[in-house]
Amino acid sequence: MKVAIHHTPGSFSDRWIDYCINNSIPYKIVNAFDSDIVERLDGCDAFMWHHHHAHFKDVLTAKRILFALEHSGLKVFPNFKTGWYFDDKVAQKYFLEAIEAPLVPSYVFYDRDEALKWVNKTVFPKVFKLKGGAGSLNVKLIKTKKSAIRIINRAFKNGFSQHDRLEGFRERLRKYKVGQEDLVGLIKGGIRLFIPTNYSKQQSRERGYAYFQDFIPGLKFDIRVQVIGKRICALKRYVRENDFRASGSGNLIELGPEDIDDRILKLALKIQQKVQSQSLTIDFILDGDNPLVVELSYGFPEKFYDNCQGFWDENLVWHNEKFNPQYWMVENLLLS
């Protein structure tokens, strides 16, 4: 079997290529943006592309190309069942409600007046989110009715840039203070306050909807569970200092069998069985003792799970051994 890989240095493709080399799997590097990409895949049995929500060209066309190729019979990663909800929190809301998963109570409005009616009868604080984005950059805590009205008016008028430059700089500054960002990165963030990225200029503004979730107070961490094929790993991410968000904190603890409630692992498997994803990332929080789903993805930072000491199989049997999740992706695709 021959695997075609769209290679983006620093993405999953680095390890996919290593897997093919180490296991003598024939592979071919291709450019998914070539107009004749379909022709270039002739003779290949599978195509893999780690597309990213912050790369404009990826956002513009990755799903279209992957899903078209999947219809031709080619094996692809991520396939439709893995990628259709990626970077779309509103789509995830509908999916999780449809399968009766315990989602954090969520509300979406496509009409300004309906949103304002809801504001007048709900309680605060609430969490406002844009449908796309990661690392909590497009997530805001709305503490008052007045603030909610202001953000709803903006959502249905001028809308929001998909890259909040001020919040982006604040995030770089926070990481710089805790040693997660160097001075060069901080300076780049400062420049971006005045000169937007090409991504910011090319992406259309988010408008015409308003999406909120209930705020669950007192959280100290969330739990990220990763299901790839029939194997599971998990991390605990602590909430940032003086913040309510765990995503992007960089403060991680790898979880083993004594560190996590089996109910969370069973729930992750149940959701995975419903969506049939090749790679499913699930963020959980605990409301008291009850696990609630915050959102889903298919990807994660390349080295996110490198310090994990083991994983669970589909029967929740713990395997105390190091692993490479990107290797699992190629292995599972070849066996599918």
Protein backbone atom coordinates (compact mmCIF):
# COMPACT_ATOMS: atom_id res chain seq x y z
CA MET A 1 0.00 0.00 0.00
CA LYS A 2 1.32 3.45 -0.95
CA VAL A 3 0.55 6.50 1.18
CA ALA A 4 0.46 10.08 -0.12
CA ILE A 5 1.23 12.75 2.50
CA HIS A 6 0.77 16.50 2.33
CA HIS A 7 3.82 17.61 4.27
CA THR A 8 3.77 20.64 6.55
CA PRO A 9 6.91 20.79 8.72
CA GLY A 10 6.00 20.87 12.41
CA SER A 11 2.73 19.02 11.86
CA PHE A 12 1.70 15.37 12.18
CA SER A 13 3.23 14.75 8.76
CA ASP A 14 6.75 14.74 10.26
CA ARG A 15 5.90 11.61 12.21
CA TRP A 16 3.78 10.06 9.48
CA ILE A 17 6.82 10.19 7.20
CA ASP A 18 9.02 8.71 9.95
CA TYR A 19 6.53 5.85 10.39
CA CYS A 20 6.60 5.06 6.69
CA ILE A 21 10.41 5.14 6.60
CA ASN A 22 10.81 3.04 9.77
CA ASN A 23 8.28 0.46 8.60
CA SER A 24 9.25 0.36 4.90
CA ILE A 25 5.85 1.71 3.82
CA PRO A 26 5.94 3.21 0.32
CA TYR A 27 4.99 6.89 0.51
CA LYS A 28 4.88 10.00 -1.66
CA ILE A 29 5.03 13.67 -0.67
CA VAL A 30 2.39 15.71 -2.47
CA ASN A 31 1.15 19.29 -2.42
CA ALA A 32 -2.60 19.27 -1.77
CA PHE A 33 -2.89 22.75 -3.28
CA ASP A 34 -1.72 21.68 -6.73
CA SER A 35 -4.55 22.01 -9.22
CA ASP A 36 -3.88 18.48 -10.45
CA ILE A 37 -3.72 16.93 -6.96
CA VAL A 38 -6.21 14.22 -7.94
CA GLU A 39 -3.99 13.15 -10.83
CA ARG A 40 -0.89 13.24 -8.61
CA LEU A 41 -2.49 10.71 -6.27
CA ASP A 42 -2.69 8.12 -9.04
CA GLY A 43 -1.15 4.89 -7.79
CA CYS A 44 -1.64 5.81 -4.12
CA ASP A 45 -4.01 3.94 -1.82
CA ALA A 46 -4.26 6.52 0.94
CA PHE A 47 -3.87 10.27 1.46
CA MET A 48 -3.06 12.02 4.76
CA TRP A 49 -3.25 15.74 5.50
CA HIS A 50 -2.96 17.35 8.95
CA HIS A 51 -4.92 20.47 8.07
CA HIS A 52 -4.89 23.31 10.59
CA HIS A 53 -7.57 25.80 11.62
CA ALA A 54 -5.09 28.71 11.57
CA HIS A 55 -3.85 28.14 8.01
CA PHE A 56 -6.13 30.01 5.63
CA LYS A 57 -5.59 27.76 2.62
CA ASP A 58 -6.27 24.70 4.78
CA VAL A 59 -9.52 26.22 6.05
CA LEU A 60 -10.52 27.19 2.52
CA THR A 61 -10.19 23.80 0.87
CA ALA A 62 -8.88 20.91 3.00
CA LYS A 63 -12.25 19.37 3.83
CA ARG A 64 -13.45 19.74 0.23
CA ILE A 65 -10.44 17.90 -1.16
CA LEU A 66 -10.37 15.17 1.50
CA PHE A 67 -14.08 14.42 1.29
CA ALA A 68 -14.03 14.42 -2.52
CA LEU A 69 -11.16 11.93 -2.52
CA GLU A 70 -12.94 9.79 0.06
CA HIS A 71 -15.94 9.55 -2.28
CA SER A 72 -13.61 8.15 -4.95
CA GLY A 73 -12.76 5.22 -2.69
CA LEU A 74 -9.35 6.50 -1.57
CA LYS A 75 -8.53 6.06 2.10
CA VAL A 76 -8.02 9.48 3.67
CA PHE A 77 -7.07 10.95 7.03
CA PRO A 78 -8.95 12.75 8.40
CA ASN A 79 -12.01 11.30 6.73
CA PHE A 80 -15.51 12.78 6.80
CA LYS A 81 -16.54 11.24 10.11
CA THR A 82 -13.34 12.56 11.66
CA GLY A 83 -13.24 16.05 10.22
CA TRP A 84 -16.75 17.37 9.51
CA TYR A 85 -17.13 18.99 12.95
CA PHE A 86 -13.52 20.20 13.20
CA ASP A 87 -13.16 23.83 14.30
CA ASP A 88 -16.94 24.30 14.44
CA LYS A 89 -18.21 24.45 18.01
CA VAL A 90 -21.78 25.07 16.86
CA ALA A 91 -21.77 21.90 14.75
CA GLN A 92 -20.41 20.04 17.77
CA LYS A 93 -23.31 21.35 19.88
CA TYR A 94 -25.85 19.85 17.49
CA PHE A 95 -23.98 16.55 17.26
CA LEU A 96 -23.53 16.11 21.01
CA GLU A 97 -27.17 16.97 21.67
CA ALA A 98 -28.29 14.57 18.93
CA ILE A 99 -26.46 11.63 20.52
CA GLU A 100 -27.57 12.72 24.00
CA ALA A 101 -24.03 13.23 25.26
CA PRO A 102 -23.69 15.30 28.47
CA LEU A 103 -22.72 18.58 26.84
CA VAL A 104 -22.19 21.74 28.87
CA PRO A 105 -25.57 23.50 28.35
CA SER A 106 -25.18 25.51 25.16
CA TYR A 107 -27.25 28.10 23.30
CA VAL A 108 -26.99 29.36 19.73
CA PHE A 109 -28.99 32.15 18.13
CA TYR A 110 -29.29 33.26 14.51
CA ASP A 111 -31.61 36.17 15.24
CA ARG A 112 -30.60 39.20 17.30
CA ASP A 113 -34.03 39.70 18.86
CA GLU A 114 -34.25 36.07 19.95
CA ALA A 115 -30.79 36.33 21.52
CA LEU A 116 -31.80 39.48 23.41
CA LYS A 117 -34.98 37.81 24.68
CA TRP A 118 -32.84 35.00 26.05
CA VAL A 119 -30.49 37.48 27.72
CA ASN A 120 -33.41 38.99 29.62
CA LYS A 121 -34.36 35.68 31.22
CA THR A 122 -31.04 33.90 31.70
CA VAL A 123 -28.47 34.23 34.49
CA PHE A 124 -24.84 35.25 34.32
CA PRO A 125 -21.96 34.72 33.90
CA LYS A 126 -22.01 32.89 30.57
CA VAL A 127 -19.19 31.87 28.24
CA PHE A 128 -19.29 33.39 24.74
CA LYS A 129 -17.50 31.56 21.92
CA LEU A 130 -16.92 31.94 18.24
CA LYS A 131 -17.46 28.69 16.39
CA GLY A 132 -13.80 28.46 15.36
CA GLY A 133 -10.41 28.87 17.01
CA ALA A 134 -8.33 27.02 19.57
CA GLY A 135 -6.29 27.80 22.64
CA SER A 136 -9.19 29.82 24.13
CA LEU A 137 -8.46 32.92 22.02
CA ASN A 138 -12.07 33.16 20.85
CA VAL A 139 -13.59 32.42 24.25
CA LYS A 140 -14.77 35.17 26.60
CA LEU A 141 -16.43 35.22 30.00
CA ILE A 142 -19.53 37.43 29.89
CA LYS A 143 -20.30 38.51 33.44
CA THR A 144 -23.31 40.78 33.06
CA LYS A 145 -26.48 41.27 31.04
CA LYS A 146 -25.09 44.58 29.77
CA SER A 147 -21.96 42.89 28.43
CA ALA A 148 -24.05 40.17 26.79
CA ILE A 149 -26.23 42.73 25.02
CA ARG A 150 -23.14 44.53 23.77
CA ILE A 151 -21.53 41.36 22.39
CA ILE A 152 -24.80 40.19 20.79
CA ASN A 153 -25.22 43.55 19.03
CA ARG A 154 -21.69 43.24 17.72
CA ALA A 155 -22.27 39.62 16.63
CA PHE A 156 -25.20 40.69 14.45
CA LYS A 157 -23.63 43.90 13.15
CA ASN A 158 -19.87 44.26 12.55
CA GLY A 159 -18.98 40.81 13.83
CA PHE A 160 -15.60 39.59 15.02
CA SER A 161 -12.23 39.00 13.43
CA GLN A 162 -11.32 35.34 13.61
CA HIS A 163 -8.01 36.43 15.12
CA ASP A 164 -8.30 38.77 18.09
CA ARG A 165 -4.98 40.62 17.86
CA LEU A 166 -5.14 42.13 21.34
CA GLU A 167 -6.05 38.83 22.96
CA GLY A 168 -3.35 37.15 20.89
CA PHE A 169 -0.75 39.55 22.27
CA ARG A 170 -2.01 39.04 25.81
CA GLU A 171 -1.68 35.30 25.33
CA ARG A 172 1.91 35.63 24.10
CA LEU A 173 2.67 37.91 27.06
CA ARG A 174 1.19 35.38 29.49
CA LYS A 175 3.28 32.59 27.96
CA TYR A 176 6.40 34.79 28.02
CA LYS A 177 5.96 35.41 31.76
CA VAL A 178 5.80 31.68 32.50
CA GLY A 179 8.59 30.71 30.11
CA GLN A 180 6.39 29.24 27.35
CA GLU A 181 7.20 31.98 24.82
CA ASP A 182 10.51 33.58 23.90
CA LEU A 183 11.20 37.28 23.36
CA VAL A 184 11.06 36.95 19.58
CA GLY A 185 7.56 35.51 19.80
CA LEU A 186 6.47 38.30 22.13
CA ILE A 187 7.80 40.93 19.72
CA LYS A 188 5.95 39.26 16.85
CA GLY A 189 2.76 39.44 18.89
CA GLY A 190 3.37 43.15 19.43
CA ILE A 191 3.85 43.72 15.72
CA ARG A 192 0.60 41.87 15.02
CA LEU A 193 -1.27 44.50 17.04
CA PHE A 194 -0.63 46.89 14.15
CA ILE A 195 0.01 44.62 11.16
CA PRO A 196 -2.52 41.77 10.84
CA THR A 197 -1.52 38.34 9.59
CA ASN A 198 -2.49 37.23 6.10
CA TYR A 199 -4.90 34.81 7.80
CA SER A 200 -6.66 37.70 9.52
CA LYS A 201 -6.93 39.65 6.29
CA GLN A 202 -8.18 36.74 4.22
CA GLN A 203 -10.72 35.20 6.60
CA SER A 204 -14.19 36.71 6.64
CA ARG A 205 -15.50 38.14 9.90
CA GLU A 206 -17.63 35.98 12.17
CA ARG A 207 -21.15 37.42 12.28
CA GLY A 208 -24.79 36.46 12.11
CA TYR A 209 -24.88 34.16 15.12
CA ALA A 210 -24.23 34.18 18.87
CA TYR A 211 -23.08 31.11 20.77
CA PHE A 212 -22.97 30.76 24.54
CA GLN A 213 -22.31 28.03 27.08
CA ASP A 214 -23.13 27.92 30.77
CA PHE A 215 -20.26 28.90 33.04
CA ILE A 216 -19.29 26.14 35.47
CA PRO A 217 -17.66 27.88 38.48
CA GLY A 218 -14.77 26.64 40.56
CA LEU A 219 -13.02 24.60 37.91
CA LYS A 220 -9.34 23.94 38.51
CA PHE A 221 -8.72 21.78 35.45
CA ASP A 222 -10.23 20.05 32.46
CA ILE A 223 -9.53 16.56 31.15
CA ARG A 224 -8.60 15.91 27.53
CA VAL A 225 -9.21 12.38 26.31
CA GLN A 226 -7.82 11.22 22.98
CA VAL A 227 -9.30 8.20 21.19
CA ILE A 228 -7.35 6.97 18.16
CA GLY A 229 -8.72 3.74 16.76
CA LYS A 230 -9.16 1.47 19.76
CA ARG A 231 -6.58 3.16 21.99
CA ILE A 232 -7.08 5.95 24.51
CA CYS A 233 -4.81 8.39 26.34
CA ALA A 234 -5.62 11.31 28.61
CA LEU A 235 -4.26 14.51 30.13
CA LYS A 236 -5.33 16.87 32.87
CA ARG A 237 -4.91 20.56 31.98
CA TYR A 238 -4.91 23.04 34.84
CA VAL A 239 -6.75 26.33 34.53
CA ARG A 240 -4.57 29.37 33.90
CA GLU A 241 -3.75 31.61 36.82
CA ASN A 242 -6.47 34.24 37.41
CA ASP A 243 -8.52 32.82 34.54
CA PHE A 244 -11.33 30.34 33.93
CA ARG A 245 -9.81 28.60 30.89
CA ALA A 246 -7.58 25.53 30.77
CA SER A 247 -7.10 25.35 27.01
CA GLY A 248 -3.69 26.70 26.05
CA SER A 249 -2.45 26.83 29.64
CA GLY A 250 0.49 24.51 28.95
CA ASN A 251 0.18 23.18 32.50
CA LEU A 252 -0.38 19.48 31.85
CA ILE A 253 -0.36 16.25 33.85
CA GLU A 254 -0.45 12.91 32.04
CA LEU A 255 -3.10 10.59 33.47
CA GLY A 256 -2.85 6.90 34.32
CA PRO A 257 -5.42 4.36 35.54
CA GLU A 258 -5.39 5.66 39.12
CA ASP A 259 -5.93 9.29 38.03
CA ILE A 260 -9.18 9.23 36.06
CA ASP A 261 -12.76 8.13 36.62
CA ASP A 262 -13.62 5.20 34.34
CA ARG A 263 -16.92 6.94 33.56
CA ILE A 264 -15.03 9.53 31.55
CA LEU A 265 -13.19 6.89 29.52
CA LYS A 266 -16.42 4.96 28.90
CA LEU A 267 -18.18 8.14 27.82
CA ALA A 268 -15.31 8.98 25.45
CA LEU A 269 -15.59 5.52 23.89
CA LYS A 270 -19.36 5.89 23.55
CA ILE A 271 -19.01 9.22 21.74
CA GLN A 272 -16.29 7.79 19.50
CA GLN A 273 -18.51 4.86 18.58
CA LYS A 274 -21.27 7.30 17.61
CA VAL A 275 -19.12 9.54 15.43
CA GLN A 276 -16.73 6.74 14.27
CA SER A 277 -13.82 9.15 14.19
CA GLN A 278 -10.31 8.02 13.29
CA SER A 279 -8.96 10.47 15.89
CA LEU A 280 -11.28 12.05 18.43
CA THR A 281 -10.22 14.70 20.94
CA ILE A 282 -12.74 15.33 23.72
CA ASP A 283 -12.44 18.05 26.36
CA PHE A 284 -14.29 17.23 29.60
CA ILE A 285 -14.97 19.24 32.72
CA LEU A 286 -16.50 18.07 35.99
CA ASP A 287 -19.66 19.72 37.30
CA GLY A 288 -19.44 18.31 40.80
CA ASP A 289 -18.91 14.61 40.06
CA ASN A 290 -20.61 14.72 36.67
CA PRO A 291 -18.46 14.79 33.52
CA LEU A 292 -19.60 17.23 30.83
CA VAL A 293 -18.26 17.61 27.30
CA VAL A 294 -17.01 21.08 26.36
CA GLU A 295 -15.94 20.54 22.75
CA LEU A 296 -14.39 18.16 20.22
CA SER A 297 -11.53 18.10 17.73
CA TYR A 298 -9.48 15.62 15.73
CA GLY A 299 -6.05 17.15 16.28
CA PHE A 300 -3.71 18.29 19.00
CA PRO A 301 -0.22 19.82 19.30
CA GLU A 302 2.31 17.43 17.76
CA LYS A 303 4.13 16.57 21.02
CA PHE A 304 1.10 16.85 23.30
CA TYR A 305 1.12 13.25 24.52
CA ASP A 306 4.86 12.55 24.41
CA ASN A 307 5.21 12.34 28.20
CA CYS A 308 2.34 9.89 28.66
CA GLN A 309 3.56 6.64 30.17
CA GLY A 310 0.82 4.46 28.76
CA PHE A 311 -2.64 4.10 27.26
CA TRP A 312 -5.89 2.16 27.57
CA ASP A 313 -7.32 -0.25 25.01
CA GLU A 314 -11.01 -0.51 24.09
CA ASN A 315 -11.62 -2.76 27.10
CA LEU A 316 -10.06 -0.10 29.37
CA VAL A 317 -7.08 -2.32 30.08
CA TRP A 318 -4.04 -0.17 30.86
CA HIS A 319 -0.85 -0.68 28.82
CA ASN A 320 2.14 0.78 30.61
CA GLU A 321 4.24 1.61 27.56
CA LYS A 322 5.28 4.69 25.62
CA PHE A 323 3.55 5.36 22.32
CA ASN A 324 3.43 7.65 19.32
CA PRO A 325 -0.16 8.71 18.51
CA GLN A 326 0.73 9.84 15.00
CA TYR A 327 2.11 6.35 14.29
CA TRP A 328 -1.25 4.95 15.37
CA MET A 329 -2.96 7.11 12.74
CA VAL A 330 -0.94 5.64 9.86
CA GLU A 331 -1.17 2.12 11.25
CA ASN A 332 -4.95 2.32 11.63
CA LEU A 333 -5.41 3.81 8.15
CA LEU A 334 -3.42 1.01 6.55
CA LEU A 335 -5.45 -1.61 8.40
CA SER A 336 -8.85 -0.05 7.67
